[in-house]
Protein backbone atom coordinates (compact mmCIF):
# COMPACT_ATOMS: atom_id res chain seq x y z
CA UNK A 1 -35.78 45.03 5.11
CA UNK A 2 -36.65 41.33 5.40
CA UNK A 3 -35.51 40.75 1.83
CA UNK A 4 -32.18 42.49 2.53
CA UNK A 5 -31.65 40.44 5.70
CA UNK A 6 -32.46 37.20 3.87
CA UNK A 7 -29.98 38.04 1.12
CA UNK A 8 -27.29 38.80 3.68
CA UNK A 9 -27.87 35.51 5.46
CA UNK A 10 -27.77 33.63 2.15
CA UNK A 11 -24.44 35.18 1.24
CA UNK A 12 -23.07 34.28 4.68
CA UNK A 13 -24.31 30.69 4.78
CA UNK A 14 -23.91 29.61 1.15
CA UNK A 15 -20.10 29.29 1.23
CA UNK A 16 -20.43 26.79 4.05
CA UNK A 17 -21.99 24.32 1.63
CA UNK A 18 -18.77 24.34 -0.35
CA UNK A 19 -17.08 22.61 2.57
CA UNK A 20 -19.68 20.10 3.78
CA UNK A 21 -21.08 17.35 1.60
CA UNK A 22 -24.38 15.58 2.19
CA UNK A 23 -22.40 12.62 3.56
CA UNK A 24 -20.56 14.74 6.08
CA UNK A 25 -17.30 14.81 4.12
CA UNK A 26 -15.27 17.96 3.72
CA UNK A 27 -15.39 19.25 0.16
CA UNK A 28 -14.59 22.46 -1.68
CA UNK A 29 -11.22 23.87 -2.75
CA UNK A 30 -8.37 21.34 -2.69
CA UNK A 31 -5.24 22.26 -0.76
CA UNK A 32 -2.28 21.21 -2.93
CA UNK A 33 -0.19 20.56 0.16
CA UNK A 34 3.40 21.58 0.82
CA UNK A 35 5.29 18.49 -0.24
CA UNK A 36 8.32 19.39 -2.38
CA UNK A 37 7.71 16.49 -4.77
CA UNK A 38 3.95 15.85 -4.92
CA UNK A 39 0.84 17.95 -5.43
CA UNK A 40 -2.68 17.09 -4.30
CA UNK A 41 -5.20 17.78 -7.06
CA UNK A 42 -8.94 17.50 -7.55
CA UNK A 43 -10.16 14.87 -9.99
CA UNK A 44 -13.21 13.36 -11.67
CA UNK A 45 -11.70 10.00 -12.60
CA UNK A 46 -14.21 7.31 -13.50
CA UNK A 47 -14.64 4.75 -10.76
CA UNK A 48 -13.23 7.02 -8.08
CA UNK A 49 -15.68 9.93 -7.97
CA UNK A 50 -16.55 9.08 -4.36
CA UNK A 51 -13.12 10.46 -3.52
CA UNK A 52 -12.36 14.12 -3.97
CA UNK A 53 -8.63 14.34 -4.65
CA UNK A 54 -5.54 12.40 -5.63
CA UNK A 55 -1.77 12.42 -5.91
CA UNK A 56 0.04 10.80 -8.83
CA UNK A 57 3.34 9.01 -8.24
CA UNK A 58 5.17 8.38 -11.50
CA UNK A 59 1.74 8.10 -13.09
CA UNK A 60 0.19 5.81 -10.45
CA UNK A 61 -2.68 7.51 -8.57
CA UNK A 62 -3.49 7.45 -4.87
CA UNK A 63 -7.04 8.68 -4.24
CA UNK A 64 -8.47 9.93 -0.95
CA UNK A 65 -11.92 10.36 0.49
CA UNK A 66 -12.61 13.92 1.59
CA UNK A 67 -12.09 13.26 5.29
CA UNK A 68 -8.64 11.70 4.86
CA UNK A 69 -5.96 14.03 6.18
CA UNK A 70 -3.67 15.62 3.58
CA UNK A 71 -0.66 14.57 5.65
CA UNK A 72 -1.68 10.90 5.42
CA UNK A 73 -2.25 11.15 1.66
CA UNK A 74 1.15 12.72 1.12
CA UNK A 75 2.81 10.19 3.41
CA UNK A 76 1.39 7.40 1.25
CA UNK A 77 2.69 9.15 -1.86
CA UNK A 78 6.18 9.32 -0.37
CA UNK A 79 6.13 5.65 0.61
CA UNK A 80 5.10 4.60 -2.90
CA UNK A 81 7.76 6.84 -4.44
CA UNK A 82 10.46 5.31 -2.26
CA UNK A 83 9.42 1.79 -3.18
CA UNK A 84 9.54 2.65 -6.90
CA UNK A 85 12.58 4.95 -6.82
CA UNK A 86 14.48 3.36 -3.98
CA UNK A 87 17.72 5.20 -4.65
CA UNK A 88 15.74 8.46 -4.77
CA UNK A 89 17.45 9.83 -7.83
CA UNK A 90 14.15 10.99 -9.34
CA UNK A 91 13.90 8.11 -11.81
CA UNK A 92 11.94 4.87 -11.30
CA UNK A 93 14.37 2.02 -10.69
CA UNK A 94 12.52 -0.50 -12.87
CA UNK A 95 10.79 0.88 -15.96
CA UNK A 96 9.31 -2.55 -16.78
CA UNK A 97 7.59 -2.56 -13.41
CA UNK A 98 6.23 0.95 -13.89
CA UNK A 99 4.88 0.09 -17.34
CA UNK A 100 3.05 -2.89 -15.86
CA UNK A 101 1.55 -0.76 -13.09
CA UNK A 102 0.27 1.86 -15.51
CA UNK A 103 -1.02 -0.60 -18.11
CA UNK A 104 -2.97 -2.47 -15.43
CA UNK A 105 -4.49 0.79 -14.12
CA UNK A 106 -2.96 0.26 -10.69
CA UNK A 107 -4.34 2.53 -7.99
CA UNK A 108 -4.73 2.88 -4.24
CA UNK A 109 -7.46 4.70 -2.36
CA UNK A 110 -7.48 5.94 1.21
CA UNK A 111 -10.53 5.92 3.46
CA UNK A 112 -11.43 7.32 6.86
CA UNK A 113 -14.81 5.80 7.80
CA UNK A 114 -15.30 2.04 8.01
CA UNK A 115 -18.16 2.28 5.52
CA UNK A 116 -15.66 3.46 2.89
CA UNK A 117 -13.33 0.49 3.29
CA UNK A 118 -13.40 -1.79 0.25
CA UNK A 119 -15.89 0.49 -1.50
CA UNK A 120 -13.88 1.04 -4.69
CA UNK A 121 -12.19 -1.26 -7.19
CA UNK A 122 -8.64 -0.81 -5.95
CA UNK A 123 -6.38 -1.66 -3.05
CA UNK A 124 -7.34 0.39 0.00
CA UNK A 125 -5.51 1.92 2.95
CA UNK A 126 -7.18 3.30 6.04
CA UNK A 127 -5.96 6.74 7.06
CA UNK A 128 -5.82 5.70 10.70
CA UNK A 129 -3.82 2.59 9.77
CA UNK A 130 -1.13 4.76 8.25
CA UNK A 131 1.24 5.86 11.00
CA UNK A 132 4.09 8.14 9.89
CA UNK A 133 5.35 8.36 13.49
CA UNK A 134 6.29 4.66 13.45
CA UNK A 135 9.31 5.57 11.34
CA UNK A 136 10.64 8.02 13.93
CA UNK A 137 9.70 5.98 17.01
CA UNK A 138 12.35 3.36 16.52
CA UNK A 139 9.94 1.15 14.56
CA UNK A 140 7.84 0.63 17.68
CA UNK A 141 4.18 1.21 18.49
CA UNK A 142 1.37 0.91 15.94
CA UNK A 143 2.81 -0.32 12.64
CA UNK A 144 2.62 1.86 9.54
CA UNK A 145 0.27 -0.14 7.32
CA UNK A 146 1.13 2.10 4.37
CA UNK A 147 4.20 -0.12 3.97
CA UNK A 148 1.95 -3.13 3.47
CA UNK A 149 -0.96 -1.87 1.40
CA UNK A 150 1.19 0.12 -1.02
CA UNK A 151 3.51 -2.84 -1.50
CA UNK A 152 0.46 -4.98 -2.32
CA UNK A 153 -0.36 -2.60 -5.20
CA UNK A 154 3.20 -2.76 -6.50
CA UNK A 155 3.47 -6.55 -6.40
CA UNK A 156 -0.07 -7.53 -7.42
CA UNK A 157 -0.51 -5.04 -10.26
CA UNK A 158 3.15 -4.50 -11.10
CA UNK A 159 5.68 -7.27 -10.52
CA UNK A 160 3.15 -10.07 -11.12
CA UNK A 161 2.33 -8.66 -14.57
CA UNK A 162 5.84 -7.58 -15.49
CA UNK A 163 7.39 -10.96 -14.68
CA UNK A 164 4.59 -13.54 -14.88
CA UNK A 165 6.82 -16.63 -14.93
CA UNK A 166 8.69 -15.62 -11.81
CA UNK A 167 6.40 -13.31 -9.84
CA UNK A 168 2.82 -14.04 -10.82
CA UNK A 169 0.54 -15.17 -8.00
CA UNK A 170 -0.58 -18.22 -10.01
CA UNK A 171 0.43 -21.79 -9.23
CA UNK A 172 3.87 -22.83 -10.48
CA UNK A 173 5.79 -19.55 -10.55
CA UNK A 174 9.08 -18.97 -8.77
CA UNK A 175 7.22 -16.97 -6.15
CA UNK A 176 4.46 -19.47 -5.45
CA UNK A 177 6.86 -22.44 -5.54
CA UNK A 178 8.82 -20.69 -2.79
CA UNK A 179 5.58 -20.02 -0.93
CA UNK A 180 4.59 -23.69 -1.08
CA UNK A 181 7.86 -24.56 0.63
CA UNK A 182 7.28 -21.87 3.25
CA UNK A 183 3.77 -23.22 3.97
CA UNK A 184 4.96 -26.82 4.21
CA UNK A 185 3.20 -27.91 1.03
CA UNK A 186 0.90 -26.84 -1.78
CA UNK A 187 -2.49 -25.84 -0.36
CA UNK A 188 -5.30 -24.27 -2.36
CA UNK A 189 -7.17 -23.66 0.90
CA UNK A 190 -6.06 -23.06 4.47
CA UNK A 191 -4.71 -26.26 6.08
CA UNK A 192 -5.76 -26.94 9.65
CA UNK A 193 -3.28 -27.09 11.12
CA UNK A 194 -0.31 -26.01 9.04
CA UNK A 195 2.46 -28.63 8.92
CA UNK A 196 5.12 -28.49 11.61
CA UNK A 197 8.04 -26.50 10.32
CA UNK A 198 5.99 -24.10 8.17
CA UNK A 199 7.17 -20.53 8.63
CA UNK A 200 4.38 -18.91 6.63
CA UNK A 201 0.99 -19.80 8.07
CA UNK A 202 -1.49 -17.15 7.03
CA UNK A 203 -4.95 -18.30 8.10
CA UNK A 204 -7.48 -15.81 6.71
CA UNK A 205 -10.20 -17.99 5.17
CA UNK A 206 -11.17 -15.20 2.76
CA UNK A 207 -7.67 -15.20 1.22
CA UNK A 208 -7.35 -17.46 -1.83
CA UNK A 209 -4.11 -18.90 -3.20
CA UNK A 210 -3.21 -15.75 -5.14
CA UNK A 211 -3.95 -13.60 -2.12
CA UNK A 212 -1.67 -15.87 -0.08
CA UNK A 213 1.12 -15.11 -2.54
CA UNK A 214 0.50 -11.36 -2.22
CA UNK A 215 0.82 -11.58 1.55
CA UNK A 216 3.84 -13.88 1.33
CA UNK A 217 5.96 -11.52 -0.77
CA UNK A 218 4.95 -8.69 1.55
CA UNK A 219 6.17 -10.54 4.65
CA UNK A 220 9.37 -11.66 2.97
CA UNK A 221 10.28 -8.32 1.39
CA UNK A 222 9.57 -6.19 4.45
CA UNK A 223 11.46 -8.62 6.67
CA UNK A 224 14.48 -8.36 4.39
CA UNK A 225 14.17 -4.56 4.55
CA UNK A 226 14.00 -4.55 8.36
CA UNK A 227 10.38 -3.54 8.92
CA UNK A 228 9.47 -6.60 11.02
CA UNK A 229 12.51 -6.74 13.34
CA UNK A 230 10.58 -5.55 16.41
CA UNK A 231 7.36 -7.44 15.62
CA UNK A 232 8.30 -11.11 16.17
CA UNK A 233 5.74 -11.73 18.90
CA UNK A 234 3.02 -9.81 17.09
CA UNK A 235 3.32 -11.63 13.75
CA UNK A 236 4.36 -15.17 14.74
CA UNK A 237 0.97 -16.62 13.93
CA UNK A 238 1.42 -15.65 10.29
CA UNK A 239 5.13 -15.25 9.70
CA UNK A 240 8.16 -16.43 11.66
CA UNK A 241 11.10 -15.05 9.68
CA UNK A 242 10.97 -11.46 10.88
CA UNK A 243 14.57 -10.47 10.02
CA UNK A 244 16.75 -10.51 6.93
CA UNK A 245 19.06 -13.11 8.49
CA UNK A 246 16.16 -15.47 9.16
CA UNK A 247 14.85 -15.11 5.61
CA UNK A 248 18.30 -15.63 4.11
CA UNK A 249 19.04 -18.69 6.24
CA UNK A 250 15.62 -20.38 6.11
CA UNK A 251 13.67 -19.24 3.05
CA UNK A 252 16.50 -19.47 0.56
CA UNK A 253 14.18 -19.61 -2.45
CA UNK A 254 12.42 -16.32 -1.78
CA UNK A 255 15.62 -14.64 -0.63
CA UNK A 256 17.29 -15.53 -3.93
CA UNK A 257 14.26 -14.13 -5.77
CA UNK A 258 14.13 -10.87 -3.81
CA UNK A 259 17.85 -10.22 -4.23
CA UNK A 260 17.98 -11.08 -7.95
CA UNK A 261 19.20 -7.86 -9.60
CA UNK A 262 17.05 -8.30 -12.71
CA UNK A 263 13.92 -7.38 -10.73
CA UNK A 264 15.44 -4.36 -8.95
CA UNK A 265 13.56 -4.92 -5.71
CA UNK A 266 14.04 -2.20 -3.07
CA UNK A 267 16.98 -2.51 -0.71
CA UNK A 268 16.08 0.34 1.66
CA UNK A 269 12.89 0.49 3.72
CA UNK A 270 10.73 3.52 2.82
CA UNK A 271 10.16 6.01 5.63
CA UNK A 272 7.94 8.62 3.98
CA UNK A 273 10.68 11.15 3.29
CA UNK A 274 11.21 10.80 -0.44
CA UNK A 275 14.13 12.94 -1.68
CA UNK A 276 14.31 14.81 1.62
């Protein structure tokens, strides 16, 4: 009798271990999701085994820790797809860019707990920093950081490698020359204070010159696309040209770069609804 009872309890309890890992993360069968364009799959990719699933966007993976919501993972996938296929015709707009992303093993991973942030060798995005509702709330409230972190992957691993003379984050490229003008001079470290008249004044001491360039093209591109229109007061300490008109009128060098048709930069702000 005791043996029968023990067996019954074992059969009842054992499946629970499929869904709870020793670190408290949900594991077990992977829900593929219901997105019409992307499927969530399990993986065992080297370097990312701490995560339990991924979505591939034109060959570029986004990984997620087990406790990241499927909806946030799929939202990130849609944002990346819209950046890469901005006209949403099902084909990447710039094949040179995509080749650079794939050859450089570009990836993003999403985390839920603070201890997971920065834990893997890739750009990261916090699940709670990604806010799909921002796109339907009139671009107000908490900003959707997916627009930033995914763009960092695309520029740092993609554009910088595809067009090194123009878009690399090294000193002396078209991008960094424009940045030096925006900062009021060439600075390898953070000036204190920035010169009067500088409109790009990022002051994170952990951000080196290349990192400054990554942030600069993010601010410029998303301002041109309209993402920063309602954030002037919030971002003034770092970036003052929060609209397309301001970028066009003041930062003529970067505006010319971002509207040069040879690079096929996006012209429509992603909203997480790829091909829908």
